[in-house]
Amino acid sequence: AHDLAAGTLVKAFKLSLPGYGFHVVSKLGHPRARTIRAFSEW
């Protein structure tokens, strides 16, 4: 993303491949749920 925004790289063609999803997984009711949520937001 940084290289595309800076113009050091450009997209060569208008055809992409699907990527990956990134998630934070935690146990429901975890005692540090607020900290985990703050980390996810960050």
Full PDB file with SEQRES, HELIX, SHEET, SSBOND, CRYST1, ORIGX, SCALE, CONECT and MASTER records, all heavy atoms in Angstrom:
SEQRES   1 A   42  ALA HIS ASP LEU ALA ALA GLY THR LEU VAL LYS ALA PHE          
SEQRES   2 A   42  LYS LEU SER LEU PRO GLY TYR GLY PHE HIS VAL VAL SER          
SEQRES   3 A   42  LYS LEU GLY HIS PRO ARG ALA ARG THR ILE ARG ALA PHE          
SEQRES   4 A   42  SER GLU TRP                                                  
HELIX    1 AA1 HIS A    2  ALA A    6  1                                   5    
HELIX    2 AA2 ALA A   33  GLU A   41  1                                   9    
CRYST1    1.000    1.000    1.000  90.00  90.00  90.00 P 1           1          
ORIGX1      1.000000  0.000000  0.000000        0.00000                         
ORIGX2      0.000000  1.000000  0.000000        0.00000                         
ORIGX3      0.000000  0.000000  1.000000        0.00000                         
SCALE1      1.000000  0.000000  0.000000        0.00000                         
SCALE2      0.000000  1.000000  0.000000        0.00000                         
SCALE3      0.000000  0.000000  1.000000        0.00000                         
ATOM      1  N   ALA A   1       0.821  -1.220   0.000  1.00  0.00           N  
ATOM      2  CA  ALA A   1       0.000   0.000   0.000  1.00  0.00           C  
ATOM      3  C   ALA A   1       0.851   1.263   0.000  1.00  0.00           C  
ATOM      4  O   ALA A   1       0.574   2.211  -0.742  1.00  0.00           O  
ATOM      5  CB  ALA A   1      -0.954  -0.007   1.194  1.00  0.00           C  
ATOM      6  N   HIS A   2       1.891   1.285   0.827  1.00  0.00           N  
ATOM      7  CA  HIS A   2       2.752   2.471   0.893  1.00  0.00           C  
ATOM      8  C   HIS A   2       3.441   2.720  -0.448  1.00  0.00           C  
ATOM      9  O   HIS A   2       3.507   3.859  -0.925  1.00  0.00           O  
ATOM     10  CB  HIS A   2       3.784   2.317   2.004  1.00  0.00           C  
ATOM     11  CG  HIS A   2       4.743   3.461   2.098  1.00  0.00           C  
ATOM     12  ND1 HIS A   2       4.393   4.689   2.623  1.00  0.00           N  
ATOM     13  CD2 HIS A   2       6.031   3.581   1.690  1.00  0.00           C  
ATOM     14  CE1 HIS A   2       5.424   5.513   2.542  1.00  0.00           C  
ATOM     15  NE2 HIS A   2       6.430   4.857   1.986  1.00  0.00           N  
ATOM     16  N   ASP A   3       3.939   1.667  -1.075  1.00  0.00           N  
ATOM     17  CA  ASP A   3       4.627   1.812  -2.367  1.00  0.00           C  
ATOM     18  C   ASP A   3       3.661   2.234  -3.471  1.00  0.00           C  
ATOM     19  O   ASP A   3       4.022   3.018  -4.345  1.00  0.00           O  
ATOM     20  CB  ASP A   3       5.324   0.497  -2.742  1.00  0.00           C  
ATOM     21  CG  ASP A   3       6.439   0.160  -1.781  1.00  0.00           C  
ATOM     22  OD1 ASP A   3       7.354   0.991  -1.618  1.00  0.00           O  
ATOM     23  OD2 ASP A   3       6.391  -0.922  -1.179  1.00  0.00           O  
ATOM     24  N   LEU A   4       2.429   1.731  -3.435  1.00  0.00           N  
ATOM     25  CA  LEU A   4       1.425   2.160  -4.414  1.00  0.00           C  
ATOM     26  C   LEU A   4       1.082   3.636  -4.209  1.00  0.00           C  
ATOM     27  O   LEU A   4       0.996   4.399  -5.176  1.00  0.00           O  
ATOM     28  CB  LEU A   4       0.166   1.299  -4.310  1.00  0.00           C  
ATOM     29  CG  LEU A   4       0.294  -0.145  -4.786  1.00  0.00           C  
ATOM     30  CD1 LEU A   4      -0.936  -0.955  -4.383  1.00  0.00           C  
ATOM     31  CD2 LEU A   4       0.516  -0.217  -6.293  1.00  0.00           C  
ATOM     32  N   ALA A   5       0.901   4.043  -2.954  1.00  0.00           N  
ATOM     33  CA  ALA A   5       0.572   5.444  -2.661  1.00  0.00           C  
ATOM     34  C   ALA A   5       1.720   6.376  -3.027  1.00  0.00           C  
ATOM     35  O   ALA A   5       1.498   7.487  -3.512  1.00  0.00           O  
ATOM     36  CB  ALA A   5       0.213   5.601  -1.184  1.00  0.00           C  
ATOM     37  N   ALA A   6       2.951   5.918  -2.818  1.00  0.00           N  
ATOM     38  CA  ALA A   6       4.128   6.742  -3.119  1.00  0.00           C  
ATOM     39  C   ALA A   6       4.461   6.750  -4.610  1.00  0.00           C  
ATOM     40  O   ALA A   6       5.261   7.572  -5.066  1.00  0.00           O  
ATOM     41  CB  ALA A   6       5.331   6.229  -2.325  1.00  0.00           C  
ATOM     42  N   GLY A   7       3.868   5.823  -5.363  1.00  0.00           N  
ATOM     43  CA  GLY A   7       4.158   5.764  -6.796  1.00  0.00           C  
ATOM     44  C   GLY A   7       5.404   4.975  -7.148  1.00  0.00           C  
ATOM     45  O   GLY A   7       5.823   4.972  -8.302  1.00  0.00           O  
ATOM     46  N   THR A   8       6.016   4.287  -6.177  1.00  0.00           N  
ATOM     47  CA  THR A   8       7.184   3.458  -6.507  1.00  0.00           C  
ATOM     48  C   THR A   8       6.752   2.133  -7.113  1.00  0.00           C  
ATOM     49  O   THR A   8       7.554   1.448  -7.742  1.00  0.00           O  
ATOM     50  CB  THR A   8       8.065   3.200  -5.263  1.00  0.00           C  
ATOM     51  OG1 THR A   8       7.253   2.669  -4.219  1.00  0.00           O  
ATOM     52  CG2 THR A   8       8.733   4.483  -4.801  1.00  0.00           C  
ATOM     53  N   LEU A   9       5.475   1.778  -6.930  1.00  0.00           N  
ATOM     54  CA  LEU A   9       4.862   0.627  -7.598  1.00  0.00           C  
ATOM     55  C   LEU A   9       3.525   1.061  -8.173  1.00  0.00           C  
ATOM     56  O   LEU A   9       2.876   1.955  -7.639  1.00  0.00           O  
ATOM     57  CB  LEU A   9       4.618  -0.526  -6.618  1.00  0.00           C  
ATOM     58  CG  LEU A   9       5.820  -1.308  -6.123  1.00  0.00           C  
ATOM     59  CD1 LEU A   9       5.390  -2.338  -5.084  1.00  0.00           C  
ATOM     60  CD2 LEU A   9       6.554  -1.990  -7.274  1.00  0.00           C  
ATOM     61  N   VAL A  10       3.126   0.417  -9.266  1.00  0.00           N  
ATOM     62  CA  VAL A  10       1.819   0.651  -9.875  1.00  0.00           C  
ATOM     63  C   VAL A  10       1.189  -0.690 -10.214  1.00  0.00           C  
ATOM     64  O   VAL A  10       1.890  -1.675 -10.441  1.00  0.00           O  
ATOM     65  CB  VAL A  10       1.908   1.530 -11.143  1.00  0.00           C  
ATOM     66  CG1 VAL A  10       2.357   2.942 -10.801  1.00  0.00           C  
ATOM     67  CG2 VAL A  10       2.843   0.908 -12.170  1.00  0.00           C  
ATOM     68  N   LYS A  11      -0.137  -0.714 -10.250  1.00  0.00           N  
ATOM     69  CA  LYS A  11      -0.843  -1.921 -10.667  1.00  0.00           C  
ATOM     70  C   LYS A  11      -0.684  -2.060 -12.179  1.00  0.00           C  
ATOM     71  O   LYS A  11      -0.954  -1.120 -12.928  1.00  0.00           O  
ATOM     72  CB  LYS A  11      -2.311  -1.847 -10.265  1.00  0.00           C  
ATOM     73  CG  LYS A  11      -2.508  -1.889  -8.767  1.00  0.00           C  
ATOM     74  CD  LYS A  11      -3.969  -1.757  -8.393  1.00  0.00           C  
ATOM     75  CE  LYS A  11      -4.136  -1.775  -6.882  1.00  0.00           C  
ATOM     76  NZ  LYS A  11      -5.532  -1.522  -6.494  1.00  0.00           N  
ATOM     77  N   ALA A  12      -0.252  -3.237 -12.612  1.00  0.00           N  
ATOM     78  CA  ALA A  12       0.025  -3.454 -14.031  1.00  0.00           C  
ATOM     79  C   ALA A  12      -1.236  -3.756 -14.832  1.00  0.00           C  
ATOM     80  O   ALA A  12      -1.333  -3.372 -15.996  1.00  0.00           O  
ATOM     81  CB  ALA A  12       1.048  -4.581 -14.192  1.00  0.00           C  
ATOM     82  N   PHE A  13      -2.189  -4.457 -14.239  1.00  0.00           N  
ATOM     83  CA  PHE A  13      -3.414  -4.846 -14.934  1.00  0.00           C  
ATOM     84  C   PHE A  13      -4.588  -4.765 -13.974  1.00  0.00           C  
ATOM     85  O   PHE A  13      -4.425  -4.853 -12.766  1.00  0.00           O  
ATOM     86  CB  PHE A  13      -3.304  -6.282 -15.472  1.00  0.00           C  
ATOM     87  CG  PHE A  13      -2.175  -6.468 -16.429  1.00  0.00           C  
ATOM     88  CD1 PHE A  13      -1.006  -7.093 -16.018  1.00  0.00           C  
ATOM     89  CD2 PHE A  13      -2.249  -6.004 -17.728  1.00  0.00           C  
ATOM     90  CE1 PHE A  13       0.054  -7.256 -16.884  1.00  0.00           C  
ATOM     91  CE2 PHE A  13      -1.198  -6.160 -18.605  1.00  0.00           C  
ATOM     92  CZ  PHE A  13      -0.039  -6.787 -18.184  1.00  0.00           C  
ATOM     93  N   LYS A  14      -5.782  -4.640 -14.528  1.00  0.00           N  
ATOM     94  CA  LYS A  14      -6.993  -4.544 -13.714  1.00  0.00           C  
ATOM     95  C   LYS A  14      -7.604  -5.925 -13.515  1.00  0.00           C  
ATOM     96  O   LYS A  14      -8.750  -6.169 -13.861  1.00  0.00           O  
ATOM     97  CB  LYS A  14      -7.986  -3.598 -14.367  1.00  0.00           C  
ATOM     98  CG  LYS A  14      -7.491  -2.182 -14.397  1.00  0.00           C  
ATOM     99  CD  LYS A  14      -8.488  -1.234 -14.992  1.00  0.00           C  
ATOM    100  CE  LYS A  14      -7.846   0.134 -15.012  1.00  0.00           C  
ATOM    101  NZ  LYS A  14      -8.765   1.184 -15.233  1.00  0.00           N  
ATOM    102  N   LEU A  15      -6.794  -6.808 -12.965  1.00  0.00           N  
ATOM    103  CA  LEU A  15      -7.252  -8.153 -12.623  1.00  0.00           C  
ATOM    104  C   LEU A  15      -6.511  -8.561 -11.362  1.00  0.00           C  
ATOM    105  O   LEU A  15      -5.279  -8.511 -11.325  1.00  0.00           O  
ATOM    106  CB  LEU A  15      -6.956  -9.141 -13.757  1.00  0.00           C  
ATOM    107  CG  LEU A  15      -7.319 -10.598 -13.484  1.00  0.00           C  
ATOM    108  CD1 LEU A  15      -8.827 -10.768 -13.302  1.00  0.00           C  
ATOM    109  CD2 LEU A  15      -6.822 -11.494 -14.609  1.00  0.00           C  
ATOM    110  N   SER A  16      -7.260  -8.926 -10.340  1.00  0.00           N  
ATOM    111  CA  SER A  16      -6.654  -9.279  -9.060  1.00  0.00           C  
ATOM    112  C   SER A  16      -7.053 -10.689  -8.645  1.00  0.00           C  
ATOM    113  O   SER A  16      -7.952 -11.297  -9.233  1.00  0.00           O  
ATOM    114  CB  SER A  16      -7.082  -8.286  -7.985  1.00  0.00           C  
ATOM    115  OG  SER A  16      -8.487  -8.373  -7.785  1.00  0.00           O  
ATOM    116  N   LEU A  17      -6.380 -11.175  -7.634  1.00  0.00           N  
ATOM    117  CA  LEU A  17      -6.709 -12.452  -7.003  1.00  0.00           C  
ATOM    118  C   LEU A  17      -7.209 -12.176  -5.594  1.00  0.00           C  
ATOM    119  O   LEU A  17      -6.723 -11.247  -4.941  1.00  0.00           O  
ATOM    120  CB  LEU A  17      -5.471 -13.351  -6.920  1.00  0.00           C  
ATOM    121  CG  LEU A  17      -4.884 -13.842  -8.231  1.00  0.00           C  
ATOM    122  CD1 LEU A  17      -3.568 -14.569  -7.981  1.00  0.00           C  
ATOM    123  CD2 LEU A  17      -5.874 -14.751  -8.954  1.00  0.00           C  
ATOM    124  N   PRO A  18      -8.158 -12.982  -5.119  1.00  0.00           N  
ATOM    125  CA  PRO A  18      -8.608 -12.777  -3.745  1.00  0.00           C  
ATOM    126  C   PRO A  18      -7.479 -13.073  -2.766  1.00  0.00           C  
ATOM    127  O   PRO A  18      -6.611 -13.905  -3.029  1.00  0.00           O  
ATOM    128  CB  PRO A  18      -9.752 -13.782  -3.586  1.00  0.00           C  
ATOM    129  CG  PRO A  18      -9.543 -14.787  -4.659  1.00  0.00           C  
ATOM    130  CD  PRO A  18      -8.811 -14.095  -5.774  1.00  0.00           C  
ATOM    131  N   GLY A  19      -7.502 -12.365  -1.666  1.00  0.00           N  
ATOM    132  CA  GLY A  19      -6.451 -12.525  -0.667  1.00  0.00           C  
ATOM    133  C   GLY A  19      -6.943 -13.245   0.563  1.00  0.00           C  
ATOM    134  O   GLY A  19      -7.716 -14.198   0.479  1.00  0.00           O  
ATOM    135  N   TYR A  20      -6.517 -12.753   1.680  1.00  0.00           N  
ATOM    136  CA  TYR A  20      -6.776 -13.392   2.959  1.00  0.00           C  
ATOM    137  C   TYR A  20      -7.530 -12.439   3.874  1.00  0.00           C  
ATOM    138  O   TYR A  20      -7.418 -11.223   3.752  1.00  0.00           O  
ATOM    139  CB  TYR A  20      -5.452 -13.783   3.621  1.00  0.00           C  
ATOM    140  CG  TYR A  20      -4.656 -14.738   2.772  1.00  0.00           C  
ATOM    141  CD1 TYR A  20      -3.703 -14.282   1.873  1.00  0.00           C  
ATOM    142  CD2 TYR A  20      -4.878 -16.106   2.864  1.00  0.00           C  
ATOM    143  CE1 TYR A  20      -2.983 -15.165   1.086  1.00  0.00           C  
ATOM    144  CE2 TYR A  20      -4.161 -16.996   2.080  1.00  0.00           C  
ATOM    145  CZ  TYR A  20      -3.218 -16.517   1.188  1.00  0.00           C  
ATOM    146  OH  TYR A  20      -2.517 -17.390   0.399  1.00  0.00           O  
ATOM    147  N   GLY A  21      -8.270 -13.010   4.800  1.00  0.00           N  
ATOM    148  CA  GLY A  21      -8.926 -12.213   5.831  1.00  0.00           C  
ATOM    149  C   GLY A  21      -8.072 -12.251   7.086  1.00  0.00           C  
ATOM    150  O   GLY A  21      -7.458 -13.268   7.403  1.00  0.00           O  
ATOM    151  N   PHE A  22      -8.033 -11.140   7.790  1.00  0.00           N  
ATOM    152  CA  PHE A  22      -7.261 -11.041   9.023  1.00  0.00           C  
ATOM    153  C   PHE A  22      -8.217 -10.727  10.162  1.00  0.00           C  
ATOM    154  O   PHE A  22      -9.067  -9.845  10.044  1.00  0.00           O  
ATOM    155  CB  PHE A  22      -6.180  -9.965   8.890  1.00  0.00           C  
ATOM    156  CG  PHE A  22      -5.174 -10.294   7.828  1.00  0.00           C  
ATOM    157  CD1 PHE A  22      -5.403  -9.951   6.501  1.00  0.00           C  
ATOM    158  CD2 PHE A  22      -4.009 -10.972   8.157  1.00  0.00           C  
ATOM    159  CE1 PHE A  22      -4.482 -10.281   5.516  1.00  0.00           C  
ATOM    160  CE2 PHE A  22      -3.089 -11.301   7.181  1.00  0.00           C  
ATOM    161  CZ  PHE A  22      -3.327 -10.960   5.853  1.00  0.00           C  
ATOM    162  N   HIS A  23      -8.062 -11.462  11.256  1.00  0.00           N  
ATOM    163  CA  HIS A  23      -9.003 -11.377  12.358  1.00  0.00           C  
ATOM    164  C   HIS A  23      -8.262 -11.443  13.696  1.00  0.00           C  
ATOM    165  O   HIS A  23      -7.170 -11.995  13.782  1.00  0.00           O  
ATOM    166  CB  HIS A  23      -9.986 -12.553  12.321  1.00  0.00           C  
ATOM    167  CG  HIS A  23     -10.492 -12.871  10.954  1.00  0.00           C  
ATOM    168  ND1 HIS A  23     -11.541 -12.208  10.377  1.00  0.00           N  
ATOM    169  CD2 HIS A  23     -10.058 -13.766  10.029  1.00  0.00           C  
ATOM    170  CE1 HIS A  23     -11.754 -12.695   9.176  1.00  0.00           C  
ATOM    171  NE2 HIS A  23     -10.867 -13.637   8.928  1.00  0.00           N  
ATOM    172  N   VAL A  24      -8.901 -10.901  14.714  1.00  0.00           N  
ATOM    173  CA  VAL A  24      -8.461 -11.111  16.093  1.00  0.00           C  
ATOM    174  C   VAL A  24      -9.493 -12.050  16.701  1.00  0.00           C  
ATOM    175  O   VAL A  24     -10.696 -11.777  16.658  1.00  0.00           O  
ATOM    176  CB  VAL A  24      -8.383  -9.791  16.881  1.00  0.00           C  
ATOM    177  CG1 VAL A  24      -8.104 -10.062  18.349  1.00  0.00           C  
ATOM    178  CG2 VAL A  24      -7.302  -8.883  16.301  1.00  0.00           C  
ATOM    179  N   VAL A  25      -9.017 -13.163  17.233  1.00  0.00           N  
ATOM    180  CA  VAL A  25      -9.898 -14.164  17.822  1.00  0.00           C  
ATOM    181  C   VAL A  25      -9.629 -14.219  19.321  1.00  0.00           C  
ATOM    182  O   VAL A  25      -8.477 -14.318  19.750  1.00  0.00           O  
ATOM    183  CB  VAL A  25      -9.667 -15.556  17.187  1.00  0.00           C  
ATOM    184  CG1 VAL A  25     -10.574 -16.601  17.811  1.00  0.00           C  
ATOM    185  CG2 VAL A  25      -9.856 -15.487  15.674  1.00  0.00           C  
ATOM    186  N   SER A  26     -10.698 -14.148  20.100  1.00  0.00           N  
ATOM    187  CA  SER A  26     -10.551 -14.231  21.550  1.00  0.00           C  
ATOM    188  C   SER A  26     -11.714 -15.015  22.139  1.00  0.00           C  
ATOM    189  O   SER A  26     -12.767 -15.165  21.511  1.00  0.00           O  
ATOM    190  CB  SER A  26     -10.487 -12.832  22.170  1.00  0.00           C  
ATOM    191  OG  SER A  26     -11.673 -12.117  21.908  1.00  0.00           O  
ATOM    192  N   LYS A  27     -11.514 -15.481  23.325  1.00  0.00           N  
ATOM    193  CA  LYS A  27     -12.539 -16.247  24.030  1.00  0.00           C  
ATOM    194  C   LYS A  27     -13.629 -15.295  24.512  1.00  0.00           C  
ATOM    195  O   LYS A  27     -13.329 -14.239  25.094  1.00  0.00           O  
ATOM    196  CB  LYS A  27     -11.891 -16.981  25.213  1.00  0.00           C  
ATOM    197  CG  LYS A  27     -12.814 -17.875  25.965  1.00  0.00           C  
ATOM    198  CD  LYS A  27     -12.041 -18.602  27.055  1.00  0.00           C  
ATOM    199  CE  LYS A  27     -12.979 -19.466  27.858  1.00  0.00           C  
ATOM    200  NZ  LYS A  27     -12.260 -20.131  28.941  1.00  0.00           N  
ATOM    201  N   LEU A  28     -14.876 -15.659  24.279  1.00  0.00           N  
ATOM    202  CA  LEU A  28     -16.004 -14.855  24.724  1.00  0.00           C  
ATOM    203  C   LEU A  28     -15.957 -14.728  26.249  1.00  0.00           C  
ATOM    204  O   LEU A  28     -15.728 -15.709  26.953  1.00  0.00           O  
ATOM    205  CB  LEU A  28     -17.319 -15.521  24.291  1.00  0.00           C  
ATOM    206  CG  LEU A  28     -18.572 -14.681  24.431  1.00  0.00           C  
ATOM    207  CD1 LEU A  28     -18.473 -13.408  23.588  1.00  0.00           C  
ATOM    208  CD2 LEU A  28     -19.786 -15.482  23.992  1.00  0.00           C  
ATOM    209  N   GLY A  29     -16.093 -13.520  26.745  1.00  0.00           N  
ATOM    210  CA  GLY A  29     -16.048 -13.277  28.177  1.00  0.00           C  
ATOM    211  C   GLY A  29     -14.636 -13.254  28.745  1.00  0.00           C  
ATOM    212  O   GLY A  29     -14.454 -13.351  29.958  1.00  0.00           O  
ATOM    213  N   HIS A  30     -13.645 -13.108  27.885  1.00  0.00           N  
ATOM    214  CA  HIS A  30     -12.248 -13.059  28.348  1.00  0.00           C  
ATOM    215  C   HIS A  30     -12.097 -11.903  29.341  1.00  0.00           C  
ATOM    216  O   HIS A  30     -12.648 -10.814  29.141  1.00  0.00           O  
ATOM    217  CB  HIS A  30     -11.316 -12.866  27.152  1.00  0.00           C  
ATOM    218  CG  HIS A  30      -9.876 -13.064  27.480  1.00  0.00           C  
ATOM    219  ND1 HIS A  30      -9.125 -12.109  28.121  1.00  0.00           N  
ATOM    220  CD2 HIS A  30      -9.049 -14.111  27.245  1.00  0.00           C  
ATOM    221  CE1 HIS A  30      -7.890 -12.551  28.274  1.00  0.00           C  
ATOM    222  NE2 HIS A  30      -7.820 -13.771  27.743  1.00  0.00           N  
ATOM    223  N   PRO A  31     -11.345 -12.101  30.432  1.00  0.00           N  
ATOM    224  CA  PRO A  31     -11.214 -11.039  31.441  1.00  0.00           C  
ATOM    225  C   PRO A  31     -10.532  -9.771  30.905  1.00  0.00           C  
ATOM    226  O   PRO A  31     -10.686  -8.705  31.506  1.00  0.00           O  
ATOM    227  CB  PRO A  31     -10.382 -11.692  32.553  1.00  0.00           C  
ATOM    228  CG  PRO A  31      -9.807 -12.920  31.978  1.00  0.00           C  
ATOM    229  CD  PRO A  31     -10.652 -13.324  30.815  1.00  0.00           C  
ATOM    230  N   ARG A  32      -9.827  -9.875  29.812  1.00  0.00           N  
ATOM    231  CA  ARG A  32      -9.172  -8.685  29.248  1.00  0.00           C  
ATOM    232  C   ARG A  32      -9.829  -8.271  27.934  1.00  0.00           C  
ATOM    233  O   ARG A  32      -9.185  -7.758  27.031  1.00  0.00           O  
ATOM    234  CB  ARG A  32      -7.691  -8.977  29.055  1.00  0.00           C  
ATOM    235  CG  ARG A  32      -7.037  -9.311  30.420  1.00  0.00           C  
ATOM    236  CD  ARG A  32      -5.581  -9.494  30.330  1.00  0.00           C  
ATOM    237  NE  ARG A  32      -4.959  -8.175  30.290  1.00  0.00           N  
ATOM    238  CZ  ARG A  32      -3.685  -7.981  30.036  1.00  0.00           C  
ATOM    239  NH1 ARG A  32      -2.895  -9.001  29.808  1.00  0.00           N  
ATOM    240  NH2 ARG A  32      -3.184  -6.771  30.007  1.00  0.00           N  
ATOM    241  N   ALA A  33     -11.136  -8.486  27.830  1.00  0.00           N  
ATOM    242  CA  ALA A  33     -11.886  -8.200  26.604  1.00  0.00           C  
ATOM    243  C   ALA A  33     -11.730  -6.740  26.164  1.00  0.00           C  
ATOM    244  O   ALA A  33     -11.590  -6.454  24.976  1.00  0.00           O  
ATOM    245  CB  ALA A  33     -13.357  -8.551  26.785  1.00  0.00           C  
ATOM    246  N   ARG A  34     -11.734  -5.817  27.112  1.00  0.00           N  
ATOM    247  CA  ARG A  34     -11.584  -4.387  26.749  1.00  0.00           C  
ATOM    248  C   ARG A  34     -10.221  -4.121  26.136  1.00  0.00           C  
ATOM    249  O   ARG A  34     -10.096  -3.368  25.167  1.00  0.00           O  
ATOM    250  CB  ARG A  34     -11.822  -3.514  27.983  1.00  0.00           C  
ATOM    251  CG  ARG A  34     -13.287  -3.487  28.384  1.00  0.00           C  
ATOM    252  CD  ARG A  34     -13.549  -2.684  29.615  1.00  0.00           C  
ATOM    253  NE  ARG A  34     -13.053  -1.315  29.483  1.00  0.00           N  
ATOM    254  CZ  ARG A  34     -12.904  -0.489  30.508  1.00  0.00           C  
ATOM    255  NH1 ARG A  34     -13.208  -0.899  31.730  1.00  0.00           N  
ATOM    256  NH2 ARG A  34     -12.458   0.732  30.317  1.00  0.00           N  
ATOM    257  N   THR A  35      -9.182  -4.732  26.690  1.00  0.00           N  
ATOM    258  CA  THR A  35      -7.824  -4.566  26.151  1.00  0.00           C  
ATOM    259  C   THR A  35      -7.734  -5.174  24.754  1.00  0.00           C  
ATOM    260  O   THR A  35      -7.142  -4.578  23.849  1.00  0.00           O  
ATOM    261  CB  THR A  35      -6.792  -5.217  27.090  1.00  0.00           C  
ATOM    262  OG1 THR A  35      -6.921  -4.627  28.378  1.00  0.00           O  
ATOM    263  CG2 THR A  35      -5.381  -5.035  26.562  1.00  0.00           C  
ATOM    264  N   ILE A  36      -8.325  -6.337  24.575  1.00  0.00           N  
ATOM    265  CA  ILE A  36      -8.315  -6.997  23.260  1.00  0.00           C  
ATOM    266  C   ILE A  36      -9.067  -6.139  22.250  1.00  0.00           C  
ATOM    267  O   ILE A  36      -8.609  -5.953  21.115  1.00  0.00           O  
ATOM    268  CB  ILE A  36      -8.923  -8.417  23.367  1.00  0.00           C  
ATOM    269  CG1 ILE A  36      -8.016  -9.299  24.227  1.00  0.00           C  
ATOM    270  CG2 ILE A  36      -9.134  -9.022  21.987  1.00  0.00           C  
ATOM    271  CD1 ILE A  36      -8.643 -10.620  24.648  1.00  0.00           C  
ATOM    272  N   ARG A  37     -10.216  -5.601  22.622  1.00  0.00           N  
ATOM    273  CA  ARG A  37     -10.994  -4.736  21.731  1.00  0.00           C  
ATOM    274  C   ARG A  37     -10.191  -3.481  21.371  1.00  0.00           C  
ATOM    275  O   ARG A  37     -10.157  -3.054  20.216  1.00  0.00           O  
ATOM    276  CB  ARG A  37     -12.329  -4.367  22.374  1.00  0.00           C  
ATOM    277  CG  ARG A  37     -13.285  -3.705  21.426  1.00  0.00           C  
ATOM    278  CD  ARG A  37     -14.717  -3.544  21.954  1.00  0.00           C  
ATOM    279  NE  ARG A  37     -14.845  -3.292  23.386  1.00  0.00           N  
ATOM    280  CZ  ARG A  37     -15.175  -4.218  24.299  1.00  0.00           C  
ATOM    281  NH1 ARG A  37     -15.403  -5.451  23.938  1.00  0.00           N  
ATOM    282  NH2 ARG A  37     -15.268  -3.897  25.585  1.00  0.00           N  
ATOM    283  N   ALA A  38      -9.498  -2.887  22.345  1.00  0.00           N  
ATOM    284  CA  ALA A  38      -8.670  -1.697  22.080  1.00  0.00           C  
ATOM    285  C   ALA A  38      -7.537  -2.046  21.111  1.00  0.00           C  
ATOM    286  O   ALA A  38      -7.219  -1.264  20.210  1.00  0.00           O  
ATOM    287  CB  ALA A  38      -8.104  -1.142  23.391  1.00  0.00           C  
ATOM    288  N   PHE A  39      -6.955  -3.231  21.293  1.00  0.00           N  
ATOM    289  CA  PHE A  39      -5.899  -3.682  20.398  1.00  0.00           C  
ATOM    290  C   PHE A  39      -6.438  -3.845  18.970  1.00  0.00           C  
ATOM    291  O   PHE A  39      -5.811  -3.398  18.001  1.00  0.00           O  
ATOM    292  CB  PHE A  39      -5.306  -4.999  20.907  1.00  0.00           C  
ATOM    293  CG  PHE A  39      -4.268  -5.600  20.008  1.00  0.00           C  
ATOM    294  CD1 PHE A  39      -3.034  -4.992  19.850  1.00  0.00           C  
ATOM    295  CD2 PHE A  39      -4.526  -6.770  19.315  1.00  0.00           C  
ATOM    296  CE1 PHE A  39      -2.063  -5.537  19.023  1.00  0.00           C  
ATOM    297  CE2 PHE A  39      -3.573  -7.329  18.483  1.00  0.00           C  
ATOM    298  CZ  PHE A  39      -2.340  -6.710  18.340  1.00  0.00           C  
ATOM    299  N   SER A  40      -7.614  -4.447  18.830  1.00  0.00           N  
ATOM    300  CA  SER A  40      -8.240  -4.620  17.512  1.00  0.00           C  
ATOM    301  C   SER A  40      -8.498  -3.272  16.853  1.00  0.00           C  
ATOM    302  O   SER A  40      -8.245  -3.093  15.654  1.00  0.00           O  
ATOM    303  CB  SER A  40      -9.565  -5.382  17.631  1.00  0.00           C  
ATOM    304  OG  SER A  40      -9.345  -6.698  18.045  1.00  0.00           O  
ATOM    305  N   GLU A  41      -9.002  -2.332  17.612  1.00  0.00           N  
ATOM    306  CA  GLU A  41      -9.272  -0.990  17.071  1.00  0.00           C  
ATOM    307  C   GLU A  41      -7.978  -0.316  16.641  1.00  0.00           C  
ATOM    308  O   GLU A  41      -7.937   0.357  15.608  1.00  0.00           O  
ATOM    309  CB  GLU A  41     -10.027  -0.148  18.097  1.00  0.00           C  
ATOM    310  CG  GLU A  41     -11.445  -0.630  18.296  1.00  0.00           C  
ATOM    311  CD  GLU A  41     -12.146   0.070  19.457  1.00  0.00           C  
ATOM    312  OE1 GLU A  41     -11.585   1.030  20.022  1.00  0.00           O  
ATOM    313  OE2 GLU A  41     -13.260  -0.377  19.803  1.00  0.00           O  
ATOM    314  N   TRP A  42      -6.932  -0.496  17.419  1.00  0.00           N  
ATOM    315  CA  TRP A  42      -5.624   0.077  17.064  1.00  0.00           C  
ATOM    316  C   TRP A  42      -5.121  -0.530  15.757  1.00  0.00           C  
ATOM    317  O   TRP A  42      -4.627   0.179  14.883  1.00  0.00           O  
ATOM    318  CB  TRP A  42      -4.623  -0.161  18.195  1.00  0.00           C  
ATOM    319  CG  TRP A  42      -3.242   0.281  17.863  1.00  0.00           C  
ATOM    320  CD1 TRP A  42      -2.762   1.552  17.819  1.00  0.00           C  
ATOM    321  CD2 TRP A  42      -2.147  -0.571  17.483  1.00  0.00           C  
ATOM    322  NE1 TRP A  42      -1.438   1.562  17.455  1.00  0.00           N  
ATOM    323  CE2 TRP A  42      -1.034   0.261  17.243  1.00  0.00           C  
ATOM    324  CE3 TRP A  42      -2.014  -1.939  17.334  1.00  0.00           C  
ATOM    325  CZ2 TRP A  42       0.206  -0.236  16.859  1.00  0.00           C  
ATOM    326  CZ3 TRP A  42      -0.773  -2.436  16.955  1.00  0.00           C  
ATOM    327  CH2 TRP A  42       0.300  -1.595  16.724  1.00  0.00           C  
TER     328      TRP A  42                                                      
MASTER        0    0    0    2    0    0    0    6  327    1    0    4          
END                                                                             
